[in-house]
Protein backbone atom coordinates (compact mmCIF):
# COMPACT_ATOMS: atom_id res chain seq x y z
CA UNK A 1 65.83 139.37 91.65
CA UNK A 2 67.07 138.34 95.14
CA UNK A 3 69.12 135.65 93.68
CA UNK A 4 71.20 137.98 91.52
CA UNK A 5 71.69 140.43 94.40
CA UNK A 6 72.88 137.51 96.67
CA UNK A 7 75.16 136.28 93.79
CA UNK A 8 76.59 139.79 93.50
CA UNK A 9 77.15 140.05 97.28
CA UNK A 10 78.95 136.75 97.39
CA UNK A 11 81.12 137.68 94.62
CA UNK A 12 82.04 140.98 96.07
CA UNK A 13 82.71 139.27 99.51
CA UNK A 14 84.86 136.64 97.83
CA UNK A 15 86.89 139.43 96.04
CA UNK A 16 87.50 141.24 99.26
CA UNK A 17 88.73 138.12 101.02
CA UNK A 18 91.01 137.24 98.26
CA UNK A 19 92.35 140.80 98.16
CA UNK A 20 92.84 140.84 101.97
CA UNK A 21 94.65 137.55 101.80
CA UNK A 22 96.94 138.67 99.15
CA UNK A 23 97.92 141.84 101.06
CA UNK A 24 98.54 139.72 104.31
CA UNK A 25 100.66 137.42 102.20
CA UNK A 26 102.68 140.40 100.72
CA UNK A 27 103.16 141.91 104.13
CA UNK A 28 104.28 138.53 105.51
CA UNK A 29 106.84 138.11 102.64
CA UNK A 30 108.16 141.60 103.35
CA UNK A 31 108.56 140.84 107.11
CA UNK A 32 110.10 137.47 106.17
CA UNK A 33 112.65 139.17 104.20
CA UNK A 34 113.51 141.46 107.08
CA UNK A 35 113.70 138.55 109.33
CA UNK A 36 115.98 136.62 107.15
CA UNK A 37 118.23 139.79 106.71
CA UNK A 38 118.64 139.97 110.39
CA UNK A 39 119.58 136.17 110.62
CA UNK A 40 123.10 134.89 110.28
CA UNK A 41 122.12 133.01 107.09
CA UNK A 42 121.80 134.11 103.46
CA UNK A 43 118.53 133.74 101.55
CA UNK A 44 120.12 131.12 99.33
CA UNK A 45 120.87 128.81 102.35
CA UNK A 46 117.20 128.34 102.95
CA UNK A 47 115.27 125.75 101.06
CA UNK A 48 111.67 126.29 99.75
CA UNK A 49 110.15 124.53 102.70
CA UNK A 50 112.03 126.62 105.29
CA UNK A 51 111.02 129.81 103.44
CA UNK A 52 107.42 128.77 103.39
CA UNK A 53 107.44 128.07 107.22
CA UNK A 54 108.95 131.45 107.86
CA UNK A 55 106.34 133.17 105.65
CA UNK A 56 103.49 131.21 107.32
CA UNK A 57 104.86 132.28 110.65
CA UNK A 58 104.93 135.91 109.67
CA UNK A 59 101.36 135.60 108.32
CA UNK A 60 100.21 134.24 111.64
CA UNK A 61 102.03 137.11 113.50
CA UNK A 62 100.50 139.81 111.26
CA UNK A 63 96.93 138.35 111.64
CA UNK A 64 97.35 138.16 115.35
CA UNK A 65 98.48 141.80 115.51
CA UNK A 66 95.58 142.72 113.34
CA UNK A 67 93.03 141.14 115.55
CA UNK A 68 94.60 142.54 118.74
CA UNK A 69 94.61 146.02 117.11
CA UNK A 70 91.10 145.68 116.06
CA UNK A 71 90.01 144.59 119.53
CA UNK A 72 91.77 147.44 121.12
CA UNK A 73 90.08 149.85 118.68
CA UNK A 74 86.69 148.54 119.58
CA UNK A 75 87.39 148.79 123.33
CA UNK A 76 88.46 152.29 122.97
CA UNK A 77 85.43 153.22 120.88
CA UNK A 78 83.22 151.65 123.45
CA UNK A 79 85.15 153.43 126.31
CA UNK A 80 86.58 150.16 127.88
CA UNK A 81 90.21 151.20 127.77
């Protein structure tokens, strides 16, 4: 009985993680497109590796911003602001 419950919990956790990573990736791609639009170069002038580096950088920025925001929310909830 507990084995099935544990299996269901692990599956649910994995689905949530995959979904969150997917949304983070989508947001990073959207931000990368904005960043490229503001640059002097066109999208076609970037090769695949450069685009991947830009998207990875945007993912890291987004995750950092998410963590910082979460910490601030916890601090405010605890009255540590």
